PDB file of all heavy atoms in Angstrom:
ATOM      1  N   LEU A   1     107.531  97.630  90.748  1.00  0.00           N
ATOM      2  CA  LEU A   1     106.488  98.568  91.152  1.00  0.00           C
ATOM      3  C   LEU A   1     106.510  99.904  90.429  1.00  0.00           C
ATOM      4  O   LEU A   1     105.464 100.510  90.248  1.00  0.00           O
ATOM      5  CB  LEU A   1     106.522  98.769  92.657  1.00  0.00           C
ATOM      6  CG  LEU A   1     106.141  97.503  93.418  1.00  0.00           C
ATOM      7  CD1 LEU A   1     106.091  97.761  94.904  1.00  0.00           C
ATOM      8  CD2 LEU A   1     104.827  96.956  92.954  1.00  0.00           C
ATOM      9  N   LEU A   2     107.655 100.367  90.004  1.00  0.00           N
ATOM     10  CA  LEU A   2     107.671 101.619  89.239  1.00  0.00           C
ATOM     11  C   LEU A   2     106.871 101.463  87.956  1.00  0.00           C
ATOM     12  O   LEU A   2     106.106 102.355  87.570  1.00  0.00           O
ATOM     13  CB  LEU A   2     109.103 102.050  88.940  1.00  0.00           C
ATOM     14  CG  LEU A   2     109.878 102.604  90.132  1.00  0.00           C
ATOM     15  CD1 LEU A   2     111.318 102.919  89.722  1.00  0.00           C
ATOM     16  CD2 LEU A   2     109.208 103.842  90.687  1.00  0.00           C
ATOM     17  N   GLU A   3     107.016 100.318  87.313  1.00  0.00           N
ATOM     18  CA  GLU A   3     106.251 100.056  86.093  1.00  0.00           C
ATOM     19  C   GLU A   3     104.758 100.009  86.400  1.00  0.00           C
ATOM     20  O   GLU A   3     103.942 100.560  85.651  1.00  0.00           O
ATOM     21  CB  GLU A   3     106.692  98.727  85.468  1.00  0.00           C
ATOM     22  CG  GLU A   3     105.892  98.348  84.243  1.00  0.00           C
ATOM     23  CD  GLU A   3     106.177  96.944  83.743  1.00  0.00           C
ATOM     24  OE1 GLU A   3     107.232  96.376  84.085  1.00  0.00           O
ATOM     25  OE2 GLU A   3     105.324  96.423  83.006  1.00  0.00           O
ATOM     26  N   GLN A   4     104.380  99.361  87.510  1.00  0.00           N
ATOM     27  CA  GLN A   4     102.974  99.289  87.889  1.00  0.00           C
ATOM     28  C   GLN A   4     102.395 100.678  88.184  1.00  0.00           C
ATOM     29  O   GLN A   4     101.281 100.983  87.785  1.00  0.00           O
ATOM     30  CB  GLN A   4     102.789  98.383  89.112  1.00  0.00           C
ATOM     31  CG  GLN A   4     103.048  96.932  88.834  1.00  0.00           C
ATOM     32  CD  GLN A   4     102.055  96.343  87.853  1.00  0.00           C
ATOM     33  OE1 GLN A   4     100.883  96.680  87.847  1.00  0.00           O
ATOM     34  NE2 GLN A   4     102.529  95.465  87.004  1.00  0.00           N
ATOM     35  N   LEU A   5     103.171 101.500  88.877  1.00  0.00           N
ATOM     36  CA  LEU A   5     102.727 102.855  89.194  1.00  0.00           C
ATOM     37  C   LEU A   5     102.536 103.668  87.915  1.00  0.00           C
ATOM     38  O   LEU A   5     101.541 104.392  87.769  1.00  0.00           O
ATOM     39  CB  LEU A   5     103.742 103.521  90.125  1.00  0.00           C
ATOM     40  CG  LEU A   5     103.271 104.696  90.958  1.00  0.00           C
ATOM     41  CD1 LEU A   5     102.035 104.361  91.768  1.00  0.00           C
ATOM     42  CD2 LEU A   5     104.393 105.157  91.870  1.00  0.00           C
ATOM     43  N   GLU A   6     103.454 103.516  86.986  1.00  0.00           N
ATOM     44  CA  GLU A   6     103.342 104.208  85.699  1.00  0.00           C
ATOM     45  C   GLU A   6     102.115 103.717  84.925  1.00  0.00           C
ATOM     46  O   GLU A   6     101.386 104.513  84.333  1.00  0.00           O
ATOM     47  CB  GLU A   6     104.621 103.984  84.882  1.00  0.00           C
ATOM     48  CG  GLU A   6     104.659 104.738  83.578  1.00  0.00           C
ATOM     49  CD  GLU A   6     104.663 106.256  83.745  1.00  0.00           C
ATOM     50  OE1 GLU A   6     105.186 106.745  84.766  1.00  0.00           O
ATOM     51  OE2 GLU A   6     104.140 106.934  82.851  1.00  0.00           O
ATOM     52  N   ARG A   7     101.862 102.417  84.951  1.00  0.00           N
ATOM     53  CA  ARG A   7     100.689 101.866  84.261  1.00  0.00           C
ATOM     54  C   ARG A   7      99.392 102.372  84.886  1.00  0.00           C
ATOM     55  O   ARG A   7      98.424 102.675  84.168  1.00  0.00           O
ATOM     56  CB  ARG A   7     100.730 100.336  84.280  1.00  0.00           C
ATOM     57  CG  ARG A   7     101.778  99.763  83.327  1.00  0.00           C
ATOM     58  CD  ARG A   7     101.818  98.255  83.333  1.00  0.00           C
ATOM     59  NE  ARG A   7     100.526  97.719  82.946  1.00  0.00           N
ATOM     60  CZ  ARG A   7     100.087  96.524  83.310  1.00  0.00           C
ATOM     61  NH1 ARG A   7     100.813  95.752  84.081  1.00  0.00           N
ATOM     62  NH2 ARG A   7      98.904  96.098  82.915  1.00  0.00           N
ATOM     63  N   LEU A   8      99.351 102.468  86.224  1.00  0.00           N
ATOM     64  CA  LEU A   8      98.166 103.027  86.889  1.00  0.00           C
ATOM     65  C   LEU A   8      97.939 104.475  86.471  1.00  0.00           C
ATOM     66  O   LEU A   8      96.805 104.883  86.188  1.00  0.00           O
ATOM     67  CB  LEU A   8      98.326 102.957  88.412  1.00  0.00           C
ATOM     68  CG  LEU A   8      98.019 101.636  89.087  1.00  0.00           C
ATOM     69  CD1 LEU A   8      98.450 101.674  90.548  1.00  0.00           C
ATOM     70  CD2 LEU A   8      96.549 101.298  88.979  1.00  0.00           C
ATOM     71  N   ASP A   9      99.013 105.240  86.433  1.00  0.00           N
ATOM     72  CA  ASP A   9      98.924 106.644  86.027  1.00  0.00           C
ATOM     73  C   ASP A   9      98.434 106.759  84.584  1.00  0.00           C
ATOM     74  O   ASP A   9      97.560 107.570  84.279  1.00  0.00           O
ATOM     75  CB  ASP A   9     100.291 107.318  86.204  1.00  0.00           C
ATOM     76  CG  ASP A   9     100.214 108.818  86.051  1.00  0.00           C
ATOM     77  OD1 ASP A   9      99.257 109.426  86.581  1.00  0.00           O
ATOM     78  OD2 ASP A   9     101.115 109.395  85.408  1.00  0.00           O
ATOM     79  N   MET A  10      98.980 105.944  83.696  1.00  0.00           N
ATOM     80  CA  MET A  10      98.560 105.975  82.284  1.00  0.00           C
ATOM     81  C   MET A  10      97.102 105.553  82.134  1.00  0.00           C
ATOM     82  O   MET A  10      96.364 106.126  81.329  1.00  0.00           O
ATOM     83  CB  MET A  10      99.473 105.077  81.437  1.00  0.00           C
ATOM     84  CG  MET A  10     100.849 105.667  81.253  1.00  0.00           C
ATOM     85  SD  MET A  10     102.077 104.689  80.314  1.00  0.00           S
ATOM     86  CE  MET A  10     101.269 103.254  79.774  1.00  0.00           C
ATOM     87  N   ALA A  11      96.659 104.569  82.915  1.00  0.00           N
ATOM     88  CA  ALA A  11      95.271 104.120  82.853  1.00  0.00           C
ATOM     89  C   ALA A  11      94.331 105.238  83.295  1.00  0.00           C
ATOM     90  O   ALA A  11      93.294 105.488  82.660  1.00  0.00           O
ATOM     91  CB  ALA A  11      95.073 102.882  83.724  1.00  0.00           C
ATOM     92  N   PHE A  12      94.683 105.936  84.377  1.00  0.00           N
ATOM     93  CA  PHE A  12      93.861 107.039  84.862  1.00  0.00           C
ATOM     94  C   PHE A  12      93.806 108.163  83.823  1.00  0.00           C
ATOM     95  O   PHE A  12      92.736 108.712  83.546  1.00  0.00           O
ATOM     96  CB  PHE A  12      94.394 107.552  86.204  1.00  0.00           C
ATOM     97  CG  PHE A  12      93.476 108.530  86.867  1.00  0.00           C
ATOM     98  CD1 PHE A  12      92.248 108.138  87.362  1.00  0.00           C
ATOM     99  CD2 PHE A  12      93.835 109.862  86.983  1.00  0.00           C
ATOM    100  CE1 PHE A  12      91.397 109.040  87.972  1.00  0.00           C
ATOM    101  CE2 PHE A  12      92.987 110.776  87.592  1.00  0.00           C
ATOM    102  CZ  PHE A  12      91.764 110.357  88.084  1.00  0.00           C
ATOM    103  N   GLU A  13      94.935 108.492  83.241  1.00  0.00           N
ATOM    104  CA  GLU A  13      94.966 109.529  82.203  1.00  0.00           C
ATOM    105  C   GLU A  13      94.136 109.116  80.993  1.00  0.00           C
ATOM    106  O   GLU A  13      93.447 109.944  80.389  1.00  0.00           O
ATOM    107  CB  GLU A  13      96.411 109.830  81.788  1.00  0.00           C
ATOM    108  CG  GLU A  13      97.203 110.597  82.827  1.00  0.00           C
ATOM    109  CD  GLU A  13      96.579 111.949  83.180  1.00  0.00           C
ATOM    110  OE1 GLU A  13      96.103 112.661  82.276  1.00  0.00           O
ATOM    111  OE2 GLU A  13      96.565 112.274  84.382  1.00  0.00           O
ATOM    112  N   SER A  14      94.177 107.855  80.626  1.00  0.00           N
ATOM    113  CA  SER A  14      93.392 107.353  79.492  1.00  0.00           C
ATOM    114  C   SER A  14      91.891 107.480  79.762  1.00  0.00           C
ATOM    115  O   SER A  14      91.113 107.874  78.883  1.00  0.00           O
ATOM    116  CB  SER A  14      93.764 105.892  79.222  1.00  0.00           C
ATOM    117  OG  SER A  14      92.947 105.343  78.236  1.00  0.00           O
ATOM    118  N   ILE A  15      91.476 107.169  80.986  1.00  0.00           N
ATOM    119  CA  ILE A  15      90.061 107.301  81.361  1.00  0.00           C
ATOM    120  C   ILE A  15      89.644 108.766  81.320  1.00  0.00           C
ATOM    121  O   ILE A  15      88.566 109.105  80.802  1.00  0.00           O
ATOM    122  CB  ILE A  15      89.812 106.678  82.745  1.00  0.00           C
ATOM    123  CG1 ILE A  15      89.927 105.161  82.648  1.00  0.00           C
ATOM    124  CG2 ILE A  15      88.453 107.086  83.295  1.00  0.00           C
ATOM    125  CD1 ILE A  15      89.963 104.451  83.976  1.00  0.00           C
ATOM    126  N   LYS A  16      90.480 109.652  81.838  1.00  0.00           N
ATOM    127  CA  LYS A  16      90.164 111.089  81.788  1.00  0.00           C
ATOM    128  C   LYS A  16      90.040 111.554  80.337  1.00  0.00           C
ATOM    129  O   LYS A  16      89.122 112.310  80.007  1.00  0.00           O
ATOM    130  CB  LYS A  16      91.252 111.888  82.508  1.00  0.00           C
ATOM    131  CG  LYS A  16      91.144 111.832  84.012  1.00  0.00           C
ATOM    132  CD  LYS A  16      92.210 112.551  84.796  1.00  0.00           C
ATOM    133  CE  LYS A  16      92.951 113.663  84.165  1.00  0.00           C
ATOM    134  NZ  LYS A  16      94.017 114.233  85.027  1.00  0.00           N
ATOM    135  N   LYS A  17      90.935 111.093  79.496  1.00  0.00           N
ATOM    136  CA  LYS A  17      90.902 111.470  78.079  1.00  0.00           C
ATOM    137  C   LYS A  17      89.593 110.997  77.434  1.00  0.00           C
ATOM    138  O   LYS A  17      88.959 111.742  76.686  1.00  0.00           O
ATOM    139  CB  LYS A  17      92.108 110.857  77.357  1.00  0.00           C
ATOM    140  CG  LYS A  17      92.210 111.226  75.914  1.00  0.00           C
ATOM    141  CD  LYS A  17      93.446 110.601  75.281  1.00  0.00           C
ATOM    142  CE  LYS A  17      93.491 110.871  73.804  1.00  0.00           C
ATOM    143  NZ  LYS A  17      94.607 110.172  73.156  1.00  0.00           N
ATOM    144  N   ASP A  18      89.185 109.764  77.729  1.00  0.00           N
ATOM    145  CA  ASP A  18      87.914 109.243  77.207  1.00  0.00           C
ATOM    146  C   ASP A  18      86.727 110.086  77.677  1.00  0.00           C
ATOM    147  O   ASP A  18      85.849 110.436  76.885  1.00  0.00           O
ATOM    148  CB  ASP A  18      87.701 107.792  77.647  1.00  0.00           C
ATOM    149  CG  ASP A  18      88.640 106.812  76.970  1.00  0.00           C
ATOM    150  OD1 ASP A  18      89.328 107.193  75.994  1.00  0.00           O
ATOM    151  OD2 ASP A  18      88.699 105.658  77.440  1.00  0.00           O
ATOM    152  N   LEU A  19      86.716 110.411  78.974  1.00  0.00           N
ATOM    153  CA  LEU A  19      85.603 111.199  79.525  1.00  0.00           C
ATOM    154  C   LEU A  19      85.540 112.597  78.911  1.00  0.00           C
ATOM    155  O   LEU A  19      84.460 113.050  78.499  1.00  0.00           O
ATOM    156  CB  LEU A  19      85.730 111.302  81.045  1.00  0.00           C
ATOM    157  CG  LEU A  19      85.471 110.019  81.831  1.00  0.00           C
ATOM    158  CD1 LEU A  19      85.820 110.212  83.300  1.00  0.00           C
ATOM    159  CD2 LEU A  19      84.033 109.564  81.679  1.00  0.00           C
ATOM    160  N   PHE A  20      86.676 113.275  78.854  1.00  0.00           N
ATOM    161  CA  PHE A  20      86.682 114.620  78.291  1.00  0.00           C
ATOM    162  C   PHE A  20      86.418 114.607  76.789  1.00  0.00           C
ATOM    163  O   PHE A  20      85.795 115.528  76.253  1.00  0.00           O
ATOM    164  CB  PHE A  20      87.985 115.350  78.628  1.00  0.00           C
ATOM    165  CG  PHE A  20      88.059 115.776  80.067  1.00  0.00           C
ATOM    166  CD1 PHE A  20      89.091 115.325  80.875  1.00  0.00           C
ATOM    167  CD2 PHE A  20      87.101 116.604  80.627  1.00  0.00           C
ATOM    168  CE1 PHE A  20      89.158 115.706  82.211  1.00  0.00           C
ATOM    169  CE2 PHE A  20      87.160 116.993  81.951  1.00  0.00           C
ATOM    170  CZ  PHE A  20      88.186 116.544  82.745  1.00  0.00           C
ATOM    171  N   GLY A  21      86.854 113.559  76.116  1.00  0.00           N
ATOM    172  CA  GLY A  21      86.554 113.422  74.690  1.00  0.00           C
ATOM    173  C   GLY A  21      85.065 113.280  74.452  1.00  0.00           C
ATOM    174  O   GLY A  21      84.502 113.901  73.558  1.00  0.00           O
ATOM    175  N   ARG A  22      84.409 112.468  75.273  1.00  0.00           N
ATOM    176  CA  ARG A  22      82.960 112.284  75.162  1.00  0.00           C
ATOM    177  C   ARG A  22      82.238 113.584  75.499  1.00  0.00           C
ATOM    178  O   ARG A  22      81.289 113.982  74.833  1.00  0.00           O
ATOM    179  CB  ARG A  22      82.519 111.164  76.108  1.00  0.00           C
ATOM    180  CG  ARG A  22      81.046 110.861  76.113  1.00  0.00           C
ATOM    181  CD  ARG A  22      80.523 110.283  74.801  1.00  0.00           C
ATOM    182  NE  ARG A  22      81.198 109.098  74.395  1.00  0.00           N
ATOM    183  CZ  ARG A  22      80.784 107.866  74.633  1.00  0.00           C
ATOM    184  NH1 ARG A  22      79.668 107.668  75.287  1.00  0.00           N
ATOM    185  NH2 ARG A  22      81.470 106.847  74.189  1.00  0.00           N
ATOM    186  N   LEU A  23      82.703 114.274  76.539  1.00  0.00           N
ATOM    187  CA  LEU A  23      82.116 115.557  76.930  1.00  0.00           C
ATOM    188  C   LEU A  23      82.223 116.560  75.779  1.00  0.00           C
ATOM    189  O   LEU A  23      81.263 117.268  75.472  1.00  0.00           O
ATOM    190  CB  LEU A  23      82.813 116.104  78.179  1.00  0.00           C
ATOM    191  CG  LEU A  23      82.321 117.440  78.708  1.00  0.00           C
ATOM    192  CD1 LEU A  23      80.872 117.336  79.180  1.00  0.00           C
ATOM    193  CD2 LEU A  23      83.217 117.905  79.850  1.00  0.00           C
ATOM    194  N   LEU A  24      83.352 116.606  75.129  1.00  0.00           N
ATOM    195  CA  LEU A  24      83.555 117.528  74.005  1.00  0.00           C
ATOM    196  C   LEU A  24      82.597 117.205  72.858  1.00  0.00           C
ATOM    197  O   LEU A  24      82.021 118.109  72.254  1.00  0.00           O
ATOM    198  CB  LEU A  24      85.006 117.473  73.524  1.00  0.00           C
ATOM    199  CG  LEU A  24      85.368 118.397  72.375  1.00  0.00           C
ATOM    200  CD1 LEU A  24      85.123 119.858  72.757  1.00  0.00           C
ATOM    201  CD2 LEU A  24      86.817 118.194  71.963  1.00  0.00           C
ATOM    202  N   GLN A  25      82.396 115.914  72.569  1.00  0.00           N
ATOM    203  CA  GLN A  25      81.460 115.523  71.506  1.00  0.00           C
ATOM    204  C   GLN A  25      80.048 115.992  71.826  1.00  0.00           C
ATOM    205  O   GLN A  25      79.356 116.542  70.960  1.00  0.00           O
ATOM    206  CB  GLN A  25      81.462 114.001  71.322  1.00  0.00           C
ATOM    207  CG  GLN A  25      82.696 113.446  70.686  1.00  0.00           C
ATOM    208  CD  GLN A  25      82.679 111.926  70.678  1.00  0.00           C
ATOM    209  OE1 GLN A  25      81.734 111.283  71.145  1.00  0.00           O
ATOM    210  NE2 GLN A  25      83.745 111.340  70.143  1.00  0.00           N
ATOM    211  N   VAL A  26      79.611 115.777  73.064  1.00  0.00           N
ATOM    212  CA  VAL A  26      78.258 116.189  73.471  1.00  0.00           C
ATOM    213  C   VAL A  26      78.140 117.713  73.419  1.00  0.00           C
ATOM    214  O   VAL A  26      77.153 118.252  72.906  1.00  0.00           O
ATOM    215  CB  VAL A  26      77.929 115.661  74.895  1.00  0.00           C
ATOM    216  CG1 VAL A  26      76.658 116.293  75.440  1.00  0.00           C
ATOM    217  CG2 VAL A  26      77.827 114.153  74.881  1.00  0.00           C
ATOM    218  N   TYR A  27      79.141 118.404  73.924  1.00  0.00           N
ATOM    219  CA  TYR A  27      79.134 119.865  73.928  1.00  0.00           C
ATOM    220  C   TYR A  27      79.067 120.406  72.503  1.00  0.00           C
ATOM    221  O   TYR A  27      78.274 121.301  72.208  1.00  0.00           O
ATOM    222  CB  TYR A  27      80.384 120.375  74.659  1.00  0.00           C
ATOM    223  CG  TYR A  27      80.514 121.882  74.657  1.00  0.00           C
ATOM    224  CD1 TYR A  27      79.630 122.674  75.373  1.00  0.00           C
ATOM    225  CD2 TYR A  27      81.530 122.498  73.929  1.00  0.00           C
ATOM    226  CE1 TYR A  27      79.743 124.051  75.361  1.00  0.00           C
ATOM    227  CE2 TYR A  27      81.652 123.875  73.907  1.00  0.00           C
ATOM    228  CZ  TYR A  27      80.760 124.641  74.628  1.00  0.00           C
ATOM    229  OH  TYR A  27      80.875 126.006  74.606  1.00  0.00           O
TER     230      TYR A  27
END
């Protein structure tokens, strides 16, 4: 489960990075 929790955290961070990256391009 520690690995799963870390993977969930990394997935969420990756999605945030994608969203903010797209926002920066539009801006």
